[in-house]
Full PDB file with SEQRES, HELIX, SHEET, SSBOND, CRYST1, ORIGX, SCALE, CONECT and MASTER records, all heavy atoms in Angstrom:
SEQRES   1 A   30  LEU GLU ARG GLY GLY ASP LEU LEU THR ASP ILE ASP GLY          
SEQRES   2 A   30  ARG ALA LEU GLU GLY SER ASP ARG LEU VAL VAL ALA GLY          
SEQRES   3 A   30  THR GLU SER GLU                                              
SHEET    1 AA1 2 GLU A   2  ARG A   3  0                                        
SHEET    2 AA1 2 ASP A   6  LEU A   7 -1                                        
CRYST1    1.000    1.000    1.000  90.00  90.00  90.00 P 1           1          
ORIGX1      1.000000  0.000000  0.000000        0.00000                         
ORIGX2      0.000000  1.000000  0.000000        0.00000                         
ORIGX3      0.000000  0.000000  1.000000        0.00000                         
SCALE1      1.000000  0.000000  0.000000        0.00000                         
SCALE2      0.000000  1.000000  0.000000        0.00000                         
SCALE3      0.000000  0.000000  1.000000        0.00000                         
ATOM      1  N   LEU A   1       1.105  -1.311   2.690  1.00  0.00           N  
ATOM      2  CA  LEU A   1      -0.304  -1.329   2.342  1.00  0.00           C  
ATOM      3  C   LEU A   1      -1.109  -1.210   3.636  1.00  0.00           C  
ATOM      4  O   LEU A   1      -0.912  -1.985   4.577  1.00  0.00           O  
ATOM      5  CB  LEU A   1      -0.650  -2.639   1.627  1.00  0.00           C  
ATOM      6  CG  LEU A   1      -2.126  -2.964   1.396  1.00  0.00           C  
ATOM      7  CD1 LEU A   1      -2.752  -1.957   0.438  1.00  0.00           C  
ATOM      8  CD2 LEU A   1      -2.260  -4.385   0.852  1.00  0.00           C  
ATOM      9  N   GLU A   2      -2.002  -0.203   3.694  1.00  0.00           N  
ATOM     10  CA  GLU A   2      -2.871  -0.030   4.852  1.00  0.00           C  
ATOM     11  C   GLU A   2      -4.231  -0.648   4.534  1.00  0.00           C  
ATOM     12  O   GLU A   2      -4.874  -0.288   3.543  1.00  0.00           O  
ATOM     13  CB  GLU A   2      -3.040   1.451   5.181  1.00  0.00           C  
ATOM     14  CG  GLU A   2      -1.763   2.115   5.671  1.00  0.00           C  
ATOM     15  CD  GLU A   2      -1.978   3.576   6.005  1.00  0.00           C  
ATOM     16  OE1 GLU A   2      -3.072   4.100   5.716  1.00  0.00           O  
ATOM     17  OE2 GLU A   2      -1.051   4.208   6.557  1.00  0.00           O  
ATOM     18  N   ARG A   3      -4.648  -1.591   5.390  1.00  0.00           N  
ATOM     19  CA  ARG A   3      -5.911  -2.288   5.143  1.00  0.00           C  
ATOM     20  C   ARG A   3      -6.599  -2.542   6.481  1.00  0.00           C  
ATOM     21  O   ARG A   3      -6.060  -3.254   7.339  1.00  0.00           O  
ATOM     22  CB  ARG A   3      -5.673  -3.598   4.423  1.00  0.00           C  
ATOM     23  CG  ARG A   3      -6.910  -4.473   4.266  1.00  0.00           C  
ATOM     24  CD  ARG A   3      -6.606  -5.723   3.471  1.00  0.00           C  
ATOM     25  NE  ARG A   3      -6.284  -5.396   2.081  1.00  0.00           N  
ATOM     26  CZ  ARG A   3      -5.832  -6.303   1.204  1.00  0.00           C  
ATOM     27  NH1 ARG A   3      -5.649  -7.563   1.581  1.00  0.00           N  
ATOM     28  NH2 ARG A   3      -5.552  -5.939  -0.039  1.00  0.00           N  
ATOM     29  N   GLY A   4      -7.786  -1.957   6.655  1.00  0.00           N  
ATOM     30  CA  GLY A   4      -8.570  -2.190   7.860  1.00  0.00           C  
ATOM     31  C   GLY A   4      -7.822  -1.865   9.139  1.00  0.00           C  
ATOM     32  O   GLY A   4      -7.953  -2.588  10.137  1.00  0.00           O  
ATOM     33  N   GLY A   5      -7.025  -0.833   9.127  1.00  0.00           N  
ATOM     34  CA  GLY A   5      -6.295  -0.445  10.322  1.00  0.00           C  
ATOM     35  C   GLY A   5      -4.981  -1.169  10.513  1.00  0.00           C  
ATOM     36  O   GLY A   5      -4.222  -0.854  11.451  1.00  0.00           O  
ATOM     37  N   ASP A   6      -4.695  -2.149   9.638  1.00  0.00           N  
ATOM     38  CA  ASP A   6      -3.423  -2.875   9.723  1.00  0.00           C  
ATOM     39  C   ASP A   6      -2.431  -2.320   8.706  1.00  0.00           C  
ATOM     40  O   ASP A   6      -2.821  -1.870   7.609  1.00  0.00           O  
ATOM     41  CB  ASP A   6      -3.638  -4.369   9.467  1.00  0.00           C  
ATOM     42  CG  ASP A   6      -4.484  -5.026  10.545  1.00  0.00           C  
ATOM     43  OD1 ASP A   6      -4.377  -4.584  11.718  1.00  0.00           O  
ATOM     44  OD2 ASP A   6      -5.244  -5.962  10.229  1.00  0.00           O  
ATOM     45  N   LEU A   7      -1.151  -2.398   9.066  1.00  0.00           N  
ATOM     46  CA  LEU A   7      -0.075  -1.966   8.166  1.00  0.00           C  
ATOM     47  C   LEU A   7       0.662  -3.210   7.678  1.00  0.00           C  
ATOM     48  O   LEU A   7       1.257  -3.944   8.479  1.00  0.00           O  
ATOM     49  CB  LEU A   7       0.887  -1.022   8.887  1.00  0.00           C  
ATOM     50  CG  LEU A   7       2.011  -0.438   8.023  1.00  0.00           C  
ATOM     51  CD1 LEU A   7       1.449   0.594   7.039  1.00  0.00           C  
ATOM     52  CD2 LEU A   7       3.086   0.210   8.889  1.00  0.00           C  
ATOM     53  N   LEU A   8       0.594  -3.466   6.392  1.00  0.00           N  
ATOM     54  CA  LEU A   8       1.226  -4.648   5.803  1.00  0.00           C  
ATOM     55  C   LEU A   8       2.419  -4.219   4.958  1.00  0.00           C  
ATOM     56  O   LEU A   8       2.321  -3.285   4.148  1.00  0.00           O  
ATOM     57  CB  LEU A   8       0.219  -5.401   4.920  1.00  0.00           C  
ATOM     58  CG  LEU A   8      -1.130  -5.756   5.578  1.00  0.00           C  
ATOM     59  CD1 LEU A   8      -2.056  -6.392   4.552  1.00  0.00           C  
ATOM     60  CD2 LEU A   8      -0.922  -6.668   6.776  1.00  0.00           C  
ATOM     61  N   THR A   9       3.554  -4.890   5.146  1.00  0.00           N  
ATOM     62  CA  THR A   9       4.753  -4.551   4.358  1.00  0.00           C  
ATOM     63  C   THR A   9       5.174  -5.675   3.422  1.00  0.00           C  
ATOM     64  O   THR A   9       5.824  -5.425   2.407  1.00  0.00           O  
ATOM     65  CB  THR A   9       5.928  -4.208   5.298  1.00  0.00           C  
ATOM     66  OG1 THR A   9       6.139  -5.290   6.215  1.00  0.00           O  
ATOM     67  CG2 THR A   9       5.658  -2.927   6.059  1.00  0.00           C  
ATOM     68  N   ASP A  10       4.840  -6.907   3.733  1.00  0.00           N  
ATOM     69  CA  ASP A  10       5.155  -8.027   2.846  1.00  0.00           C  
ATOM     70  C   ASP A  10       3.995  -8.162   1.864  1.00  0.00           C  
ATOM     71  O   ASP A  10       3.051  -8.952   2.057  1.00  0.00           O  
ATOM     72  CB  ASP A  10       5.334  -9.307   3.671  1.00  0.00           C  
ATOM     73  CG  ASP A  10       5.884 -10.451   2.827  1.00  0.00           C  
ATOM     74  OD1 ASP A  10       6.237 -10.209   1.658  1.00  0.00           O  
ATOM     75  OD2 ASP A  10       5.952 -11.582   3.340  1.00  0.00           O  
ATOM     76  N   ILE A  11       4.043  -7.368   0.796  1.00  0.00           N  
ATOM     77  CA  ILE A  11       2.832  -7.150  -0.021  1.00  0.00           C  
ATOM     78  C   ILE A  11       2.959  -7.610  -1.459  1.00  0.00           C  
ATOM     79  O   ILE A  11       1.997  -7.507  -2.221  1.00  0.00           O  
ATOM     80  CB  ILE A  11       2.441  -5.658  -0.002  1.00  0.00           C  
ATOM     81  CG1 ILE A  11       3.623  -4.786  -0.454  1.00  0.00           C  
ATOM     82  CG2 ILE A  11       1.978  -5.255   1.390  1.00  0.00           C  
ATOM     83  CD1 ILE A  11       3.304  -3.310  -0.509  1.00  0.00           C  
ATOM     84  N   ASP A  12       4.101  -8.106  -1.877  1.00  0.00           N  
ATOM     85  CA  ASP A  12       4.225  -8.579  -3.262  1.00  0.00           C  
ATOM     86  C   ASP A  12       3.221  -9.694  -3.529  1.00  0.00           C  
ATOM     87  O   ASP A  12       3.092 -10.649  -2.744  1.00  0.00           O  
ATOM     88  CB  ASP A  12       5.645  -9.085  -3.527  1.00  0.00           C  
ATOM     89  CG  ASP A  12       6.523  -8.012  -4.134  1.00  0.00           C  
ATOM     90  OD1 ASP A  12       6.008  -7.223  -4.951  1.00  0.00           O  
ATOM     91  OD2 ASP A  12       7.718  -7.943  -3.784  1.00  0.00           O  
ATOM     92  N   GLY A  13       2.501  -9.577  -4.630  1.00  0.00           N  
ATOM     93  CA  GLY A  13       1.532 -10.590  -5.028  1.00  0.00           C  
ATOM     94  C   GLY A  13       0.152 -10.399  -4.451  1.00  0.00           C  
ATOM     95  O   GLY A  13      -0.790 -11.120  -4.819  1.00  0.00           O  
ATOM     96  N   ARG A  14      -0.033  -9.432  -3.536  1.00  0.00           N  
ATOM     97  CA  ARG A  14      -1.350  -9.219  -2.927  1.00  0.00           C  
ATOM     98  C   ARG A  14      -2.278  -8.483  -3.899  1.00  0.00           C  
ATOM     99  O   ARG A  14      -1.870  -7.544  -4.574  1.00  0.00           O  
ATOM    100  CB  ARG A  14      -1.242  -8.405  -1.638  1.00  0.00           C  
ATOM    101  CG  ARG A  14      -0.646  -9.177  -0.457  1.00  0.00           C  
ATOM    102  CD  ARG A  14      -0.642  -8.299   0.772  1.00  0.00           C  
ATOM    103  NE  ARG A  14      -0.065  -8.979   1.924  1.00  0.00           N  
ATOM    104  CZ  ARG A  14      -0.768  -9.703   2.794  1.00  0.00           C  
ATOM    105  NH1 ARG A  14      -2.081  -9.835   2.636  1.00  0.00           N  
ATOM    106  NH2 ARG A  14      -0.175 -10.290   3.812  1.00  0.00           N  
ATOM    107  N   ALA A  15      -3.554  -8.895  -3.917  1.00  0.00           N  
ATOM    108  CA  ALA A  15      -4.573  -8.152  -4.662  1.00  0.00           C  
ATOM    109  C   ALA A  15      -4.980  -6.932  -3.838  1.00  0.00           C  
ATOM    110  O   ALA A  15      -4.934  -6.952  -2.608  1.00  0.00           O  
ATOM    111  CB  ALA A  15      -5.773  -9.040  -4.930  1.00  0.00           C  
ATOM    112  N   LEU A  16      -5.370  -5.852  -4.518  1.00  0.00           N  
ATOM    113  CA  LEU A  16      -5.757  -4.618  -3.840  1.00  0.00           C  
ATOM    114  C   LEU A  16      -7.279  -4.500  -3.773  1.00  0.00           C  
ATOM    115  O   LEU A  16      -7.990  -4.852  -4.731  1.00  0.00           O  
ATOM    116  CB  LEU A  16      -5.179  -3.401  -4.572  1.00  0.00           C  
ATOM    117  CG  LEU A  16      -3.654  -3.304  -4.635  1.00  0.00           C  
ATOM    118  CD1 LEU A  16      -3.243  -2.032  -5.377  1.00  0.00           C  
ATOM    119  CD2 LEU A  16      -3.044  -3.320  -3.247  1.00  0.00           C  
ATOM    120  N   GLU A  17      -7.760  -3.999  -2.642  1.00  0.00           N  
ATOM    121  CA  GLU A  17      -9.190  -3.759  -2.457  1.00  0.00           C  
ATOM    122  C   GLU A  17      -9.478  -2.264  -2.538  1.00  0.00           C  
ATOM    123  O   GLU A  17      -8.579  -1.431  -2.343  1.00  0.00           O  
ATOM    124  CB  GLU A  17      -9.639  -4.319  -1.107  1.00  0.00           C  
ATOM    125  CG  GLU A  17      -9.386  -5.810  -0.958  1.00  0.00           C  
ATOM    126  CD  GLU A  17      -9.714  -6.320   0.433  1.00  0.00           C  
ATOM    127  OE1 GLU A  17     -10.121  -5.483   1.282  1.00  0.00           O  
ATOM    128  OE2 GLU A  17      -9.554  -7.536   0.678  1.00  0.00           O  
ATOM    129  N   GLY A  18     -10.684  -1.928  -2.791  1.00  0.00           N  
ATOM    130  CA  GLY A  18     -11.057  -0.536  -2.991  1.00  0.00           C  
ATOM    131  C   GLY A  18     -10.847   0.346  -1.784  1.00  0.00           C  
ATOM    132  O   GLY A  18     -10.716   1.572  -1.923  1.00  0.00           O  
ATOM    133  N   SER A  19     -10.824  -0.229  -0.602  1.00  0.00           N  
ATOM    134  CA  SER A  19     -10.636   0.575   0.606  1.00  0.00           C  
ATOM    135  C   SER A  19      -9.166   0.652   1.048  1.00  0.00           C  
ATOM    136  O   SER A  19      -8.863   1.252   2.077  1.00  0.00           O  
ATOM    137  CB  SER A  19     -11.465  -0.025   1.751  1.00  0.00           C  
ATOM    138  OG  SER A  19     -11.069  -1.381   1.993  1.00  0.00           O  
ATOM    139  N   ASP A  20      -8.280   0.056   0.266  1.00  0.00           N  
ATOM    140  CA  ASP A  20      -6.857   0.038   0.636  1.00  0.00           C  
ATOM    141  C   ASP A  20      -6.217   1.392   0.394  1.00  0.00           C  
ATOM    142  O   ASP A  20      -6.687   2.201  -0.423  1.00  0.00           O  
ATOM    143  CB  ASP A  20      -6.102  -1.016  -0.178  1.00  0.00           C  
ATOM    144  CG  ASP A  20      -6.444  -2.425   0.236  1.00  0.00           C  
ATOM    145  OD1 ASP A  20      -6.967  -2.581   1.354  1.00  0.00           O  
ATOM    146  OD2 ASP A  20      -6.174  -3.356  -0.548  1.00  0.00           O  
ATOM    147  N   ARG A  21      -5.132   1.610   1.111  1.00  0.00           N  
ATOM    148  CA  ARG A  21      -4.292   2.780   0.864  1.00  0.00           C  
ATOM    149  C   ARG A  21      -2.837   2.313   0.785  1.00  0.00           C  
ATOM    150  O   ARG A  21      -2.414   1.445   1.562  1.00  0.00           O  
ATOM    151  CB  ARG A  21      -4.461   3.834   1.962  1.00  0.00           C  
ATOM    152  CG  ARG A  21      -5.782   4.561   1.888  1.00  0.00           C  
ATOM    153  CD  ARG A  21      -5.950   5.550   3.004  1.00  0.00           C  
ATOM    154  NE  ARG A  21      -5.986   4.880   4.311  1.00  0.00           N  
ATOM    155  CZ  ARG A  21      -6.346   5.484   5.435  1.00  0.00           C  
ATOM    156  NH1 ARG A  21      -6.695   6.757   5.411  1.00  0.00           N  
ATOM    157  NH2 ARG A  21      -6.353   4.822   6.571  1.00  0.00           N  
ATOM    158  N   LEU A  22      -2.096   2.903  -0.156  1.00  0.00           N  
ATOM    159  CA  LEU A  22      -0.683   2.558  -0.358  1.00  0.00           C  
ATOM    160  C   LEU A  22       0.199   3.657   0.210  1.00  0.00           C  
ATOM    161  O   LEU A  22      -0.105   4.854   0.056  1.00  0.00           O  
ATOM    162  CB  LEU A  22      -0.362   2.376  -1.843  1.00  0.00           C  
ATOM    163  CG  LEU A  22      -1.062   1.226  -2.575  1.00  0.00           C  
ATOM    164  CD1 LEU A  22      -0.640   1.219  -4.043  1.00  0.00           C  
ATOM    165  CD2 LEU A  22      -0.723  -0.108  -1.922  1.00  0.00           C  
ATOM    166  N   VAL A  23       1.266   3.265   0.860  1.00  0.00           N  
ATOM    167  CA  VAL A  23       2.318   4.214   1.256  1.00  0.00           C  
ATOM    168  C   VAL A  23       3.434   4.080   0.228  1.00  0.00           C  
ATOM    169  O   VAL A  23       4.031   3.009   0.073  1.00  0.00           O  
ATOM    170  CB  VAL A  23       2.841   3.917   2.672  1.00  0.00           C  
ATOM    171  CG1 VAL A  23       3.965   4.891   3.026  1.00  0.00           C  
ATOM    172  CG2 VAL A  23       1.709   4.007   3.694  1.00  0.00           C  
ATOM    173  N   VAL A  24       3.667   5.159  -0.484  1.00  0.00           N  
ATOM    174  CA  VAL A  24       4.603   5.146  -1.615  1.00  0.00           C  
ATOM    175  C   VAL A  24       5.711   6.157  -1.359  1.00  0.00           C  
ATOM    176  O   VAL A  24       5.452   7.257  -0.834  1.00  0.00           O  
ATOM    177  CB  VAL A  24       3.868   5.480  -2.931  1.00  0.00           C  
ATOM    178  CG1 VAL A  24       4.823   5.428  -4.101  1.00  0.00           C  
ATOM    179  CG2 VAL A  24       2.710   4.526  -3.137  1.00  0.00           C  
ATOM    180  N   ALA A  25       6.958   5.787  -1.735  1.00  0.00           N  
ATOM    181  CA  ALA A  25       8.109   6.681  -1.557  1.00  0.00           C  
ATOM    182  C   ALA A  25       8.743   6.981  -2.910  1.00  0.00           C  
ATOM    183  O   ALA A  25       8.858   6.095  -3.767  1.00  0.00           O  
ATOM    184  CB  ALA A  25       9.143   6.043  -0.633  1.00  0.00           C  
ATOM    185  N   GLY A  26       9.137   8.239  -3.091  1.00  0.00           N  
ATOM    186  CA  GLY A  26       9.818   8.629  -4.317  1.00  0.00           C  
ATOM    187  C   GLY A  26      10.079  10.112  -4.332  1.00  0.00           C  
ATOM    188  O   GLY A  26       9.611  10.858  -3.461  1.00  0.00           O  
ATOM    189  N   THR A  27      10.843  10.559  -5.307  1.00  0.00           N  
ATOM    190  CA  THR A  27      11.057  11.987  -5.466  1.00  0.00           C  
ATOM    191  C   THR A  27       9.787  12.612  -6.038  1.00  0.00           C  
ATOM    192  O   THR A  27       8.862  11.908  -6.457  1.00  0.00           O  
ATOM    193  CB  THR A  27      12.236  12.264  -6.409  1.00  0.00           C  
ATOM    194  OG1 THR A  27      11.915  11.770  -7.722  1.00  0.00           O  
ATOM    195  CG2 THR A  27      13.509  11.583  -5.915  1.00  0.00           C  
ATOM    196  N   GLU A  28       9.740  13.918  -6.060  1.00  0.00           N  
ATOM    197  CA  GLU A  28       8.538  14.608  -6.537  1.00  0.00           C  
ATOM    198  C   GLU A  28       8.205  14.198  -7.968  1.00  0.00           C  
ATOM    199  O   GLU A  28       7.035  13.935  -8.292  1.00  0.00           O  
ATOM    200  CB  GLU A  28       8.741  16.119  -6.436  1.00  0.00           C  
ATOM    201  CG  GLU A  28       7.466  16.910  -6.617  1.00  0.00           C  
ATOM    202  CD  GLU A  28       7.657  18.386  -6.305  1.00  0.00           C  
ATOM    203  OE1 GLU A  28       8.793  18.880  -6.474  1.00  0.00           O  
ATOM    204  OE2 GLU A  28       6.681  19.023  -5.883  1.00  0.00           O  
ATOM    205  N   SER A  29       9.213  14.119  -8.827  1.00  0.00           N  
ATOM    206  CA  SER A  29       8.947  13.746 -10.215  1.00  0.00           C  
ATOM    207  C   SER A  29       8.523  12.283 -10.323  1.00  0.00           C  
ATOM    208  O   SER A  29       7.655  11.932 -11.136  1.00  0.00           O  
ATOM    209  CB  SER A  29      10.190  13.994 -11.078  1.00  0.00           C  
ATOM    210  OG  SER A  29      11.291  13.231 -10.614  1.00  0.00           O  
ATOM    211  N   GLU A  30       9.103  11.400  -9.500  1.00  0.00           N  
ATOM    212  CA  GLU A  30       8.729   9.990  -9.524  1.00  0.00           C  
ATOM    213  C   GLU A  30       7.284   9.801  -9.052  1.00  0.00           C  
ATOM    214  O   GLU A  30       6.528   9.008  -9.634  1.00  0.00           O  
ATOM    215  CB  GLU A  30       9.680   9.173  -8.645  1.00  0.00           C  
ATOM    216  CG  GLU A  30      11.099   9.072  -9.207  1.00  0.00           C  
ATOM    217  CD  GLU A  30      12.075   8.504  -8.196  1.00  0.00           C  
ATOM    218  OE1 GLU A  30      11.716   8.391  -6.994  1.00  0.00           O  
ATOM    219  OE2 GLU A  30      13.206   8.185  -8.594  1.00  0.00           O  
TER     220      GLU A  30                                                      
MASTER        0    0    0    0    2    0    0    6  219    1    0    3          
END                                                                             
């Protein structure tokens, strides 16, 4: 989770804010 210039990886249970960006991994279909 990218938030305010910080990269967070221990993110389970965190609420998301409108300015957040997620780094997601998967195949094209996923």
